[in-house]
């Protein structure tokens, strides 16, 4: 028996449940598209979404608007909601990155993301060495030391949070707003490696040293060394993931 909310139900009566239902539909449909379960050309309807997820028409419509903003679907009168061709997806959206990393196609996503990081992060590190503020330089050195401490202790959850902060700060302080916009995407790939058990219990000493080398180079304004040191980090990632480049 369907548990769908009647189409005209006002979401105001749902209290705090509406946002949760909204997110549930986005996650379910978005994940299915990213995994190829809903392939390009697949058609959806608001009525079908209402019945499948037990939500109001408003929640179903608003959820599809989010996916449409990511270019995962498009709407056509008398056709319904259609899954877009992959080449049109907003592949830099952190949600889509997370969904693809959780799918059976994760190896392809890891490979493309690592290639992107190799292309971007060395230039970002060099930019940070030239343009970071004194506070940002000091913060980077502190974060590298924390990575050493947490990595040697095997505290992976705390290590992950600091690793995200480290790489985010590099992108934030490099002076290139387009690189900074990749911050959320890099955070997703770092999170995925840990959540999927792809990180060693204790990060390799070489990786910890490379983070400290990057921070030290940025702190003293050595763009060449900052770029070189972060390439060591990214090469370690590539090798650890067994990715062919």
Foldseek 3Di string as FASTA:
>chain_A
DFLFDEQPDDCVVVPPVLVVLLVVLLLVVLLCDLQCVQDFFRFDALVNSRRVSRYYSVSSVVSVVVQVVQVQWDQDPPGHIGGHHPVRGNCLPLSSLLSNCPHPNNLVSLQVVLVVCLVPLLLLLLLLLAFADLVLLVVLLVLLVVLVVCLVVLVVVVNLVSVLVNSLSSQVRSPDVVSNSSSSNVSSVSVSCVVVVLAPSHHDPLLSVLSNQSSVSSNNSNSVSNSVSVSSNSVVVCVSSVHDD
